[in-house]
Amino acid sequence: MSAPVEPELTPRRIAAFLVMVVGMFMAILDIQIVSASLAEIQAGLAASPDEISWVQTSYLIAEVIMIPLSAFLARMMSTRTLFTLSAAGFTASSFLCATSGSINEMIIWRALQGFLGGGMIPSVFAAAFTIFPASKRNIVSPMIGLIATLAPTVGPTVGGYLSHTMSWHWLFLVNVIPGIGVTLGALFLIDFDRPNWRLFHRFDWWGLAALAAFLGGLEYVLEEGASNDWFQDQAVAGVAVIMVVGGVVSFWRALTRDEPIVDLSAFTNVNFAIGSAFSFVMGIGLYGLTYLYPLYLASIRGYDSLMIGETVFVSGLAMFATAPLAGFLASKVDLRLMLLVGFLGFAASTKMLTGMTDDWDFHELLWPQILRGMSLMLSMVPINNLALSTLSPDKMKGGSGLFNLMRNLGGAMGLAVINTILTNRGELHYARLSEAITWSSSEAMRQLNMMAANLTARGYDGQAGALVQMAGRLKTQATVMSFIDIFVLISVLFAGLALAALLMRKPGKGVSGAAH
């Protein structure tokens, strides 16, 4: 059998790919860029605490709908047209976000920004495994792996710096100049494929509506359920019903139509199916820890957005430094072994956090963050290669959309579980700690008397103030203990699934897309 013909790699295609990588970085960065600066946006738009969370939620809901849809659109209008329109719309909506005068305007433009940003992300993964020959993938895969993991990790850092040194408007204005460059670069450089406009007449509009109801509803339930007592809240319960109906219709149309909106056939590939499961777990670890570090530093240590950004930037540096090593190892060692080491390293990094106290700061968090950053890169590169390199070219666009969707859904579900655990375990730990603070406890009485004497000397009601201070201490300790519970669970999850890496099939040398 003759060897498969490798795609021709030209300077123009390399330049086009680099332009696309910049666009993907912007789209993923904007998921988390607002996370450390929501208070500033809330003050600037006079929004309520319930409303301000939608600055992030609306982006996530819209993006998660577009990511699987983008494969069909890329086939219909070509990668060039889809990426150019997505980049142009993302840039325009970023500017509109910066000029918003009310929270309602901000939510609308953020949703549009997320939807159009979602059109850029899967295209980069598909291009990496379509236009580059197999011999070059150990250079390309670390690049897209670095962007996919680095962008959400440094999002709070970049956002905290921009809002602290300038204003929250620059969280969005920072996209305008690069966005124009990406739009023009995509328009003039991308030449990977040709449009098939006949697909427009076979576009499944009911399938799109069902997909939006399913994925949008799922994201809403996961985002809002944890803070609204889940199905006890009428809105969450109502959206959950819509989600279930949308899910049933989406899968039915995907499995029965000749040209479905979302092609699920990639899941018949063993490597892709297992790799997508790993991508889901990676989303839990990536977005979960990116959420937990700033939350601990803000709620327990009282850090502002800039201080948080400076503290969590270590993980990003570790990823950047490890990317070349990951690319080198990918060509020298079994990818499954590399994935095994990456997952075990991530588990070890969260295990180190189980000794956390309420006075941990940069120094105590340094090594767990370094190990986490290195492990993310050592995991992401083999996951990308193992999952996508064995897909046939005609399955690549749909597969890359589903692969990225799984990572985002993992992050959304992980955050929902994390918030639920923080609330429930925090209340449980507080109740147990409170039981130990009795009038018969000599140590408790000693500390209460010391606090009361200190407050009395400063002219306050010593007894009442001491009780308030003690309650605050218990609340802090209970919160830290609930953080530790989550770190234990994440450690067990990653360590337990590490061995599943051996279930994947090792791609043969020179694989160019043979379906397994």
Protein backbone atom coordinates (compact mmCIF):
# COMPACT_ATOMS: atom_id res chain seq x y z
CA MET A 1 0.00 0.00 0.00
CA SER A 2 1.41 3.42 -0.94
CA ALA A 3 2.12 5.87 1.86
CA PRO A 4 -0.51 8.60 2.30
CA VAL A 5 0.32 11.90 0.62
CA GLU A 6 1.25 14.50 3.21
CA PRO A 7 -0.20 18.00 2.80
CA GLU A 8 1.98 20.68 1.28
CA LEU A 9 3.23 23.12 3.90
CA THR A 10 3.83 26.59 2.50
CA PRO A 11 4.96 29.83 4.21
CA ARG A 12 1.52 31.27 3.52
CA ARG A 13 -0.19 28.43 5.37
CA ILE A 14 2.19 28.75 8.31
CA ALA A 15 1.44 32.49 8.49
CA ALA A 16 -2.30 31.78 8.25
CA PHE A 17 -2.08 29.25 11.06
CA LEU A 18 -0.23 31.71 13.31
CA VAL A 19 -2.94 34.31 12.65
CA MET A 20 -5.59 31.75 13.62
CA VAL A 21 -3.69 30.90 16.82
CA VAL A 22 -3.81 34.57 17.85
CA GLY A 23 -7.56 34.61 17.23
CA MET A 24 -8.04 31.46 19.31
CA PHE A 25 -5.97 32.95 22.13
CA MET A 26 -8.19 36.04 22.22
CA ALA A 27 -11.39 33.96 22.22
CA ILE A 28 -10.26 31.67 25.07
CA LEU A 29 -8.64 34.50 27.05
CA ASP A 30 -11.91 36.42 27.13
CA ILE A 31 -13.62 33.62 29.05
CA GLN A 32 -11.58 34.44 32.16
CA ILE A 33 -10.31 37.99 31.51
CA VAL A 34 -13.28 39.46 33.39
CA SER A 35 -13.17 37.03 36.33
CA ALA A 36 -10.88 39.12 38.56
CA SER A 37 -12.53 42.42 37.57
CA LEU A 38 -16.27 41.81 37.94
CA ALA A 39 -16.44 44.20 40.92
CA GLU A 40 -15.08 47.07 38.80
CA ILE A 41 -17.53 46.30 35.96
CA GLN A 42 -20.38 46.07 38.47
CA ALA A 43 -19.56 49.49 39.88
CA GLY A 44 -19.14 51.03 36.42
CA LEU A 45 -22.50 49.75 35.15
CA ALA A 46 -24.41 50.03 38.46
CA ALA A 47 -25.31 46.35 38.24
CA SER A 48 -26.62 44.08 40.99
CA PRO A 49 -24.63 41.05 42.22
CA ASP A 50 -27.07 38.73 40.39
CA GLU A 51 -26.75 40.67 37.14
CA ILE A 52 -22.97 40.97 37.06
CA SER A 53 -22.43 37.20 36.94
CA TRP A 54 -24.07 37.23 33.50
CA VAL A 55 -21.10 39.12 32.08
CA GLN A 56 -19.30 35.78 32.20
CA THR A 57 -22.29 33.42 31.91
CA SER A 58 -23.65 34.96 28.68
CA TYR A 59 -20.24 34.57 27.00
CA LEU A 60 -19.94 30.93 28.05
CA ILE A 61 -23.47 29.99 26.95
CA ALA A 62 -23.06 31.55 23.51
CA GLU A 63 -19.58 30.12 22.97
CA VAL A 64 -20.58 26.58 23.92
CA ILE A 65 -23.40 26.70 21.33
CA MET A 66 -21.14 27.93 18.53
CA ILE A 67 -18.23 25.52 19.07
CA PRO A 68 -20.00 22.36 17.76
CA LEU A 69 -21.94 24.38 15.16
CA SER A 70 -18.71 25.78 13.68
CA ALA A 71 -17.81 22.48 11.96
CA PHE A 72 -20.90 22.60 9.71
CA LEU A 73 -20.41 26.32 9.04
CA ALA A 74 -16.75 25.77 8.09
CA ARG A 75 -17.76 23.08 5.58
CA MET A 76 -20.49 25.30 4.16
CA MET A 77 -18.70 28.65 3.92
CA SER A 78 -15.02 27.53 4.21
CA THR A 79 -12.58 28.05 7.04
CA ARG A 80 -11.48 31.37 5.54
CA THR A 81 -14.96 32.91 5.46
CA LEU A 82 -16.00 31.56 8.86
CA PHE A 83 -12.80 32.65 10.60
CA THR A 84 -12.80 36.10 8.95
CA LEU A 85 -16.43 36.79 9.87
CA SER A 86 -15.90 35.42 13.40
CA ALA A 87 -12.80 37.54 13.97
CA ALA A 88 -14.44 40.69 12.59
CA GLY A 89 -17.58 40.16 14.66
CA PHE A 90 -15.57 39.32 17.79
CA THR A 91 -13.58 42.54 17.38
CA ALA A 92 -16.68 44.67 16.84
CA SER A 93 -18.53 43.13 19.80
CA SER A 94 -15.44 43.66 21.98
CA PHE A 95 -15.58 47.38 21.17
CA LEU A 96 -19.31 47.44 21.91
CA CYS A 97 -18.69 45.74 25.28
CA ALA A 98 -16.24 48.51 26.17
CA THR A 99 -18.76 51.22 25.28
CA SER A 100 -21.72 49.60 27.07
CA GLY A 101 -23.73 52.02 29.19
CA SER A 102 -25.84 49.46 31.04
CA ILE A 103 -25.62 45.88 32.24
CA ASN A 104 -28.22 44.79 29.68
CA GLU A 105 -26.13 46.13 26.82
CA MET A 106 -23.05 44.44 28.24
CA ILE A 107 -24.79 41.05 28.47
CA ILE A 108 -26.00 41.27 24.85
CA TRP A 109 -22.58 42.19 23.47
CA ARG A 110 -20.81 39.62 25.63
CA ALA A 111 -23.13 36.91 24.29
CA LEU A 112 -22.37 38.00 20.71
CA GLN A 113 -18.66 38.13 21.53
CA GLY A 114 -18.76 34.59 22.94
CA PHE A 115 -20.75 33.20 19.99
CA LEU A 116 -18.35 34.62 17.41
CA GLY A 117 -15.29 33.71 19.47
CA GLY A 118 -16.53 30.13 19.52
CA GLY A 119 -16.24 30.07 15.73
CA MET A 120 -12.47 30.54 15.89
CA ILE A 121 -11.45 27.94 18.46
CA PRO A 122 -12.18 24.57 16.74
CA SER A 123 -10.86 25.84 13.39
CA VAL A 124 -7.34 26.05 14.81
CA PHE A 125 -7.36 22.45 16.05
CA ALA A 126 -8.75 21.24 12.70
CA ALA A 127 -6.15 23.23 10.75
CA ALA A 128 -3.29 21.90 12.88
CA PHE A 129 -4.15 18.30 11.99
CA THR A 130 -5.14 19.03 8.37
CA ILE A 131 -2.50 21.34 6.88
CA PHE A 132 0.56 20.14 8.83
CA PRO A 133 2.22 16.84 7.96
CA ALA A 134 2.48 14.27 10.74
CA SER A 135 6.22 14.92 11.06
CA LYS A 136 5.53 18.54 12.11
CA ARG A 137 2.74 17.91 14.62
CA ASN A 138 5.10 17.65 17.57
CA ILE A 139 5.89 21.31 16.93
CA VAL A 140 2.32 22.44 16.29
CA SER A 141 0.52 20.49 19.01
CA PRO A 142 2.44 22.11 21.91
CA MET A 143 1.58 25.48 20.40
CA ILE A 144 -2.18 24.95 20.37
CA GLY A 145 -1.98 23.08 23.69
CA LEU A 146 -0.15 26.03 25.21
CA ILE A 147 -2.73 28.52 23.94
CA ALA A 148 -5.71 26.39 25.04
CA THR A 149 -4.34 26.06 28.59
CA LEU A 150 -2.39 29.31 28.96
CA ALA A 151 -5.17 31.67 27.85
CA PRO A 152 -7.68 30.81 30.63
CA THR A 153 -4.86 30.56 33.19
CA VAL A 154 -3.48 34.06 32.55
CA GLY A 155 -6.94 35.55 32.00
CA PRO A 156 -7.31 36.75 35.62
CA THR A 157 -3.74 38.12 35.53
CA VAL A 158 -4.22 40.11 32.32
CA GLY A 159 -7.67 41.29 33.38
CA GLY A 160 -6.54 42.26 36.86
CA TYR A 161 -3.63 44.28 35.48
CA LEU A 162 -5.74 46.09 32.86
CA SER A 163 -8.58 47.01 35.20
CA HIS A 164 -6.21 48.04 38.00
CA THR A 165 -3.83 50.19 35.94
CA MET A 166 -6.33 51.65 33.43
CA SER A 167 -10.04 50.77 33.64
CA TRP A 168 -12.39 47.83 33.06
CA HIS A 169 -13.11 49.14 29.55
CA TRP A 170 -9.63 47.97 28.50
CA LEU A 171 -10.59 44.36 29.21
CA PHE A 172 -12.38 44.61 25.86
CA LEU A 173 -10.55 47.40 24.04
CA VAL A 174 -7.37 45.31 24.21
CA ASN A 175 -8.94 43.02 21.57
CA VAL A 176 -9.56 45.71 18.95
CA ILE A 177 -6.15 46.19 17.29
CA PRO A 178 -5.16 42.48 17.36
CA GLY A 179 -8.69 41.60 16.20
CA ILE A 180 -8.39 43.81 13.13
CA GLY A 181 -5.03 42.20 12.36
CA VAL A 182 -6.47 38.70 12.72
CA THR A 183 -9.44 39.58 10.51
CA LEU A 184 -7.24 40.89 7.69
CA GLY A 185 -4.75 38.02 8.07
CA ALA A 186 -7.52 35.42 7.88
CA LEU A 187 -9.05 37.10 4.84
CA PHE A 188 -5.84 37.21 2.82
CA LEU A 189 -3.94 34.14 4.03
CA ILE A 190 -6.29 31.21 4.75
CA ASP A 191 -6.63 28.89 1.76
CA PHE A 192 -7.13 25.46 3.35
CA ASP A 193 -10.46 24.54 1.80
CA ARG A 194 -13.32 25.64 -0.44
CA PRO A 195 -16.94 26.46 0.45
CA ASN A 196 -19.83 24.16 -0.28
CA TRP A 197 -22.76 26.56 -0.37
CA ARG A 198 -25.17 23.78 -1.36
CA LEU A 199 -25.11 22.73 2.30
CA PHE A 200 -27.04 25.91 3.12
CA HIS A 201 -30.16 24.38 1.61
CA ARG A 202 -29.74 21.36 3.90
CA PHE A 203 -29.14 23.43 7.02
CA ASP A 204 -31.06 21.92 9.94
CA TRP A 205 -32.74 24.96 11.53
CA TRP A 206 -34.72 22.81 13.97
CA GLY A 207 -31.50 21.05 14.88
CA LEU A 208 -29.87 24.43 15.58
CA ALA A 209 -32.77 25.47 17.81
CA ALA A 210 -32.59 22.17 19.69
CA LEU A 211 -28.80 22.46 20.03
CA ALA A 212 -29.12 26.00 21.43
CA ALA A 213 -31.79 24.84 23.88
CA PHE A 214 -29.69 21.87 24.98
CA LEU A 215 -26.24 23.42 25.34
CA GLY A 216 -27.48 26.87 26.35
CA GLY A 217 -29.82 25.34 28.91
CA LEU A 218 -27.11 23.04 30.22
CA GLU A 219 -24.69 25.95 30.67
CA TYR A 220 -27.39 28.03 32.41
CA VAL A 221 -28.32 25.23 34.82
CA LEU A 222 -24.68 24.59 35.67
CA GLU A 223 -23.87 28.29 36.11
CA GLU A 224 -26.96 29.30 38.08
CA GLY A 225 -27.93 26.07 39.83
CA ALA A 226 -25.18 26.08 42.44
CA SER A 227 -26.11 29.55 43.73
CA ASN A 228 -29.90 29.09 43.49
CA ASP A 229 -30.45 25.78 45.28
CA TRP A 230 -30.64 23.91 41.97
CA PHE A 231 -34.12 22.64 41.08
CA GLN A 232 -35.75 24.36 44.04
CA ASP A 233 -35.46 27.50 41.92
CA GLN A 234 -38.28 27.78 39.37
CA ALA A 235 -36.11 29.35 36.65
CA VAL A 236 -33.43 26.65 36.95
CA ALA A 237 -36.04 23.88 36.96
CA GLY A 238 -37.81 25.36 33.93
CA VAL A 239 -34.60 25.72 31.93
CA ALA A 240 -33.64 22.16 32.92
CA VAL A 241 -36.84 20.88 31.25
CA ILE A 242 -36.02 22.87 28.10
CA MET A 243 -32.48 21.45 28.24
CA VAL A 244 -33.70 17.85 28.38
CA VAL A 245 -36.13 18.32 25.48
CA GLY A 246 -33.45 20.11 23.46
CA GLY A 247 -30.97 17.33 24.20
CA VAL A 248 -33.33 14.57 23.07
CA VAL A 249 -34.17 16.40 19.84
CA SER A 250 -30.49 17.28 19.19
CA PHE A 251 -29.31 13.68 19.48
CA TRP A 252 -32.26 12.38 17.47
CA ARG A 253 -31.58 14.76 14.57
CA ALA A 254 -27.81 14.22 14.78
CA LEU A 255 -28.29 10.45 14.44
CA THR A 256 -31.00 10.44 11.78
CA ARG A 257 -30.16 13.25 9.32
CA ASP A 258 -27.76 12.94 6.39
CA GLU A 259 -26.28 16.39 7.13
CA PRO A 260 -26.71 16.99 10.86
CA ILE A 261 -25.69 20.23 12.54
CA VAL A 262 -23.37 18.19 14.78
CA ASP A 263 -21.75 15.06 13.39
CA LEU A 264 -21.27 12.57 16.25
CA SER A 265 -19.65 9.86 14.12
CA ALA A 266 -16.16 10.83 15.35
CA PHE A 267 -17.03 9.14 18.64
CA THR A 268 -16.86 5.75 16.89
CA ASN A 269 -13.08 6.28 16.87
CA VAL A 270 -11.76 4.73 20.11
CA ASN A 271 -8.92 7.20 20.52
CA PHE A 272 -11.18 10.18 19.90
CA ALA A 273 -13.82 8.94 22.35
CA ILE A 274 -11.29 8.35 25.16
CA GLY A 275 -9.41 11.55 24.27
CA SER A 276 -12.65 13.55 24.50
CA ALA A 277 -13.24 12.08 27.97
CA PHE A 278 -9.74 13.22 28.93
CA SER A 279 -10.48 16.64 27.45
CA PHE A 280 -13.57 16.80 29.68
CA VAL A 281 -11.46 15.99 32.75
CA MET A 282 -8.84 18.50 31.64
CA GLY A 283 -11.57 21.13 31.59
CA ILE A 284 -12.42 20.34 35.20
CA GLY A 285 -8.81 20.73 36.28
CA LEU A 286 -8.00 23.71 34.06
CA TYR A 287 -11.03 25.87 34.79
CA GLY A 288 -11.55 24.55 38.32
CA LEU A 289 -8.10 25.54 39.57
CA THR A 290 -8.17 28.80 37.59
CA TYR A 291 -11.33 29.58 39.58
CA LEU A 292 -10.20 28.29 42.98
CA TYR A 293 -6.85 30.08 43.24
CA PRO A 294 -8.30 33.61 42.77
CA LEU A 295 -11.30 32.74 44.96
CA TYR A 296 -9.06 31.68 47.84
CA LEU A 297 -6.81 34.72 47.48
CA ALA A 298 -9.76 37.12 47.36
CA SER A 299 -12.04 35.60 50.02
CA ILE A 300 -9.44 34.34 52.51
CA ARG A 301 -6.38 36.54 51.94
CA GLY A 302 -8.23 39.71 50.85
CA TYR A 303 -6.13 40.23 47.69
CA ASP A 304 -7.22 42.73 45.05
CA SER A 305 -7.35 41.89 41.32
CA LEU A 306 -3.75 42.95 40.64
CA MET A 307 -2.33 40.98 43.58
CA ILE A 308 -4.30 37.92 42.49
CA GLY A 309 -2.97 38.25 38.95
CA GLU A 310 0.62 38.51 40.15
CA THR A 311 0.22 35.41 42.34
CA VAL A 312 -1.43 33.07 39.81
CA PHE A 313 0.84 34.08 36.92
CA VAL A 314 3.29 31.36 37.97
CA SER A 315 1.24 28.60 36.33
CA GLY A 316 1.32 30.45 33.01
CA LEU A 317 5.09 30.82 33.15
CA ALA A 318 5.46 27.11 33.94
CA MET A 319 3.29 26.20 30.93
CA PHE A 320 5.26 28.47 28.63
CA ALA A 321 8.57 27.02 29.80
CA THR A 322 7.33 23.42 29.49
CA ALA A 323 5.87 23.72 25.97
CA PRO A 324 9.18 23.06 24.12
CA LEU A 325 9.91 20.12 26.43
CA ALA A 326 6.45 18.68 25.76
CA GLY A 327 7.02 18.94 22.01
CA PHE A 328 10.40 17.23 22.31
CA LEU A 329 9.09 14.41 24.49
CA ALA A 330 6.11 13.84 22.16
CA SER A 331 8.52 12.71 19.46
CA LYS A 332 10.66 10.57 21.77
CA VAL A 333 8.38 8.73 24.21
CA ASP A 334 5.07 6.88 24.12
CA LEU A 335 2.33 9.53 24.19
CA ARG A 336 0.28 7.37 26.56
CA LEU A 337 3.14 7.36 29.07
CA MET A 338 3.47 11.12 28.72
CA LEU A 339 -0.25 11.53 29.41
CA LEU A 340 0.01 9.21 32.41
CA VAL A 341 2.85 11.31 33.88
CA GLY A 342 0.95 14.55 33.19
CA PHE A 343 -2.21 13.39 34.96
CA LEU A 344 -0.26 12.04 37.93
CA GLY A 345 1.67 15.32 38.14
CA PHE A 346 -1.58 17.29 38.16
CA ALA A 347 -2.92 15.02 40.91
CA ALA A 348 0.28 15.62 42.90
CA SER A 349 -0.03 19.40 42.47
CA THR A 350 -3.53 19.43 44.00
CA LYS A 351 -2.46 16.95 46.70
CA MET A 352 0.12 19.55 47.79
CA LEU A 353 -2.76 21.99 48.35
CA THR A 354 -4.49 19.73 50.87
CA GLY A 355 -2.25 21.18 53.60
CA MET A 356 -3.61 24.67 52.97
CA THR A 357 -4.19 27.09 55.85
CA ASP A 358 -5.70 30.57 55.94
CA ASP A 359 -2.27 32.25 55.77
CA TRP A 360 -0.96 30.67 52.56
CA ASP A 361 0.26 33.19 50.00
CA PHE A 362 2.60 33.33 47.00
CA HIS A 363 5.39 31.26 48.56
CA GLU A 364 3.21 28.34 49.69
CA LEU A 365 1.33 28.32 46.35
CA LEU A 366 4.49 28.56 44.24
CA TRP A 367 5.43 24.89 43.79
CA PRO A 368 1.86 23.57 43.41
CA GLN A 369 1.36 26.13 40.64
CA ILE A 370 4.62 25.25 38.90
CA LEU A 371 3.82 21.53 38.99
CA ARG A 372 0.28 22.22 37.80
CA GLY A 373 1.50 24.29 34.83
CA MET A 374 4.06 21.69 33.78
CA SER A 375 1.54 18.86 34.14
CA LEU A 376 -1.09 20.66 32.06
CA MET A 377 1.32 20.94 29.13
CA LEU A 378 2.53 17.35 29.49
CA SER A 379 -1.14 16.26 29.39
CA MET A 380 -2.53 18.55 26.71
CA VAL A 381 -0.04 17.69 23.95
CA PRO A 382 -0.58 13.90 24.02
CA ILE A 383 -4.34 14.31 24.44
CA ASN A 384 -4.47 16.44 21.27
CA ASN A 385 -2.26 14.05 19.31
CA LEU A 386 -3.88 10.82 20.47
CA ALA A 387 -7.44 12.07 20.05
CA LEU A 388 -7.24 13.95 16.75
CA SER A 389 -4.37 12.41 14.77
CA THR A 390 -6.30 9.22 13.97
CA LEU A 391 -9.39 10.99 12.62
CA SER A 392 -9.91 10.95 8.86
CA PRO A 393 -9.75 14.39 7.17
CA ASP A 394 -13.51 14.48 6.58
CA LYS A 395 -14.11 13.99 10.31
CA MET A 396 -11.53 16.52 11.48
CA LYS A 397 -13.67 19.68 11.56
CA GLY A 398 -16.55 18.02 13.39
CA GLY A 399 -14.16 16.18 15.70
CA SER A 400 -12.24 19.31 16.68
CA GLY A 401 -15.50 21.06 17.57
CA LEU A 402 -16.65 18.18 19.76
CA PHE A 403 -13.19 17.88 21.34
CA ASN A 404 -13.20 21.55 22.38
CA LEU A 405 -16.83 21.34 23.46
CA MET A 406 -15.96 18.52 25.87
CA ARG A 407 -13.25 20.65 27.50
CA ASN A 408 -15.65 23.57 27.98
CA LEU A 409 -18.42 21.32 29.31
CA GLY A 410 -15.94 19.74 31.72
CA GLY A 411 -15.07 23.19 32.98
CA ALA A 412 -18.73 24.20 33.35
CA MET A 413 -19.73 21.00 35.16
CA GLY A 414 -16.60 21.16 37.30
CA LEU A 415 -17.35 24.71 38.42
CA ALA A 416 -20.95 23.78 39.24
CA VAL A 417 -19.80 20.86 41.41
CA ILE A 418 -17.06 22.98 43.01
CA ASN A 419 -19.49 25.75 43.98
CA THR A 420 -21.97 23.22 45.38
CA ILE A 421 -19.25 21.53 47.45
CA LEU A 422 -17.93 24.88 48.70
CA THR A 423 -21.40 25.81 49.93
CA ASN A 424 -22.47 22.45 51.41
CA ARG A 425 -19.14 21.41 52.92
CA GLY A 426 -18.54 24.93 54.21
CA GLU A 427 -21.82 24.83 56.12
CA LEU A 428 -21.02 21.34 57.44
CA HIS A 429 -17.53 22.30 58.61
CA TYR A 430 -18.86 25.49 60.24
CA ALA A 431 -21.47 23.51 62.13
CA ARG A 432 -18.89 21.00 63.37
CA LEU A 433 -16.43 23.71 64.41
CA SER A 434 -19.20 25.59 66.20
CA GLU A 435 -20.03 22.48 68.21
CA ALA A 436 -16.49 22.49 69.58
CA ILE A 437 -16.78 26.12 70.76
CA THR A 438 -18.63 25.68 74.06
CA TRP A 439 -18.52 27.48 77.41
CA SER A 440 -16.83 24.39 78.86
CA SER A 441 -13.91 24.58 76.41
CA SER A 442 -10.99 26.22 78.18
CA GLU A 443 -9.14 27.08 74.95
CA ALA A 444 -12.25 28.62 73.41
CA MET A 445 -12.88 30.69 76.52
CA ARG A 446 -9.24 31.81 76.64
CA GLN A 447 -9.36 33.10 73.07
CA LEU A 448 -12.76 34.76 73.57
CA ASN A 449 -11.50 36.55 76.68
CA MET A 450 -8.37 37.74 74.85
CA MET A 451 -10.44 39.14 71.97
CA ALA A 452 -12.94 40.72 74.37
CA ALA A 453 -10.16 42.40 76.39
CA ASN A 454 -8.56 43.74 73.21
CA LEU A 455 -11.84 45.18 71.94
CA THR A 456 -12.77 46.62 75.34
CA ALA A 457 -9.43 48.41 75.53
CA ARG A 458 -10.25 50.05 72.19
CA GLY A 459 -13.66 51.24 73.41
CA TYR A 460 -15.89 48.56 71.86
CA ASP A 461 -18.38 46.13 73.37
CA GLY A 462 -15.86 43.40 74.17
CA GLN A 463 -18.16 40.41 74.69
CA ALA A 464 -20.36 40.98 71.64
CA GLY A 465 -17.39 41.85 69.44
CA ALA A 466 -15.46 38.77 70.58
CA LEU A 467 -18.34 36.52 69.55
CA VAL A 468 -18.50 38.17 66.11
CA GLN A 469 -14.75 37.76 65.66
CA MET A 470 -14.90 34.12 66.71
CA ALA A 471 -17.71 33.47 64.23
CA GLY A 472 -15.58 35.07 61.50
CA ARG A 473 -12.63 32.86 62.39
CA LEU A 474 -14.81 29.77 62.25
CA LYS A 475 -16.23 30.83 58.89
CA THR A 476 -12.73 31.29 57.49
CA GLN A 477 -11.55 27.92 58.77
CA ALA A 478 -14.68 26.19 57.45
CA THR A 479 -14.13 27.76 54.01
CA VAL A 480 -10.49 26.64 53.92
CA MET A 481 -11.53 23.12 54.91
CA SER A 482 -14.07 23.06 52.05
CA PHE A 483 -11.29 24.12 49.65
CA ILE A 484 -9.22 21.18 50.90
CA ASP A 485 -12.13 18.80 50.29
CA ILE A 486 -12.22 19.90 46.64
CA PHE A 487 -8.46 19.52 46.23
CA VAL A 488 -8.70 15.96 47.56
CA LEU A 489 -11.46 15.11 45.08
CA ILE A 490 -9.54 16.57 42.12
CA SER A 491 -6.41 14.68 43.16
CA VAL A 492 -8.34 11.40 43.30
CA LEU A 493 -10.04 12.12 39.95
CA PHE A 494 -6.80 12.75 38.06
CA ALA A 495 -4.84 9.97 39.75
CA GLY A 496 -7.68 7.50 39.20
CA LEU A 497 -8.07 8.31 35.50
CA ALA A 498 -4.34 8.40 34.77
CA LEU A 499 -4.23 4.66 34.10
CA ALA A 500 -7.00 5.04 31.52
CA ALA A 501 -4.36 6.61 29.26
CA LEU A 502 -3.11 3.09 28.56
CA LEU A 503 -6.47 2.26 26.95
CA MET A 504 -5.72 4.56 24.02
CA ARG A 505 -4.12 3.27 20.85
CA LYS A 506 -0.69 4.57 19.97
CA PRO A 507 -0.81 6.26 16.55
CA GLY A 508 1.58 4.81 14.02
CA LYS A 509 4.38 6.94 12.67
CA GLY A 510 3.30 9.14 9.84
CA VAL A 511 -0.38 8.90 10.65
CA SER A 512 -2.15 11.34 8.51
CA GLY A 513 -5.70 10.68 9.31
CA ALA A 514 -6.58 7.06 8.97
CA ALA A 515 -9.69 6.30 10.88
CA HIS A 516 -9.37 3.59 13.47
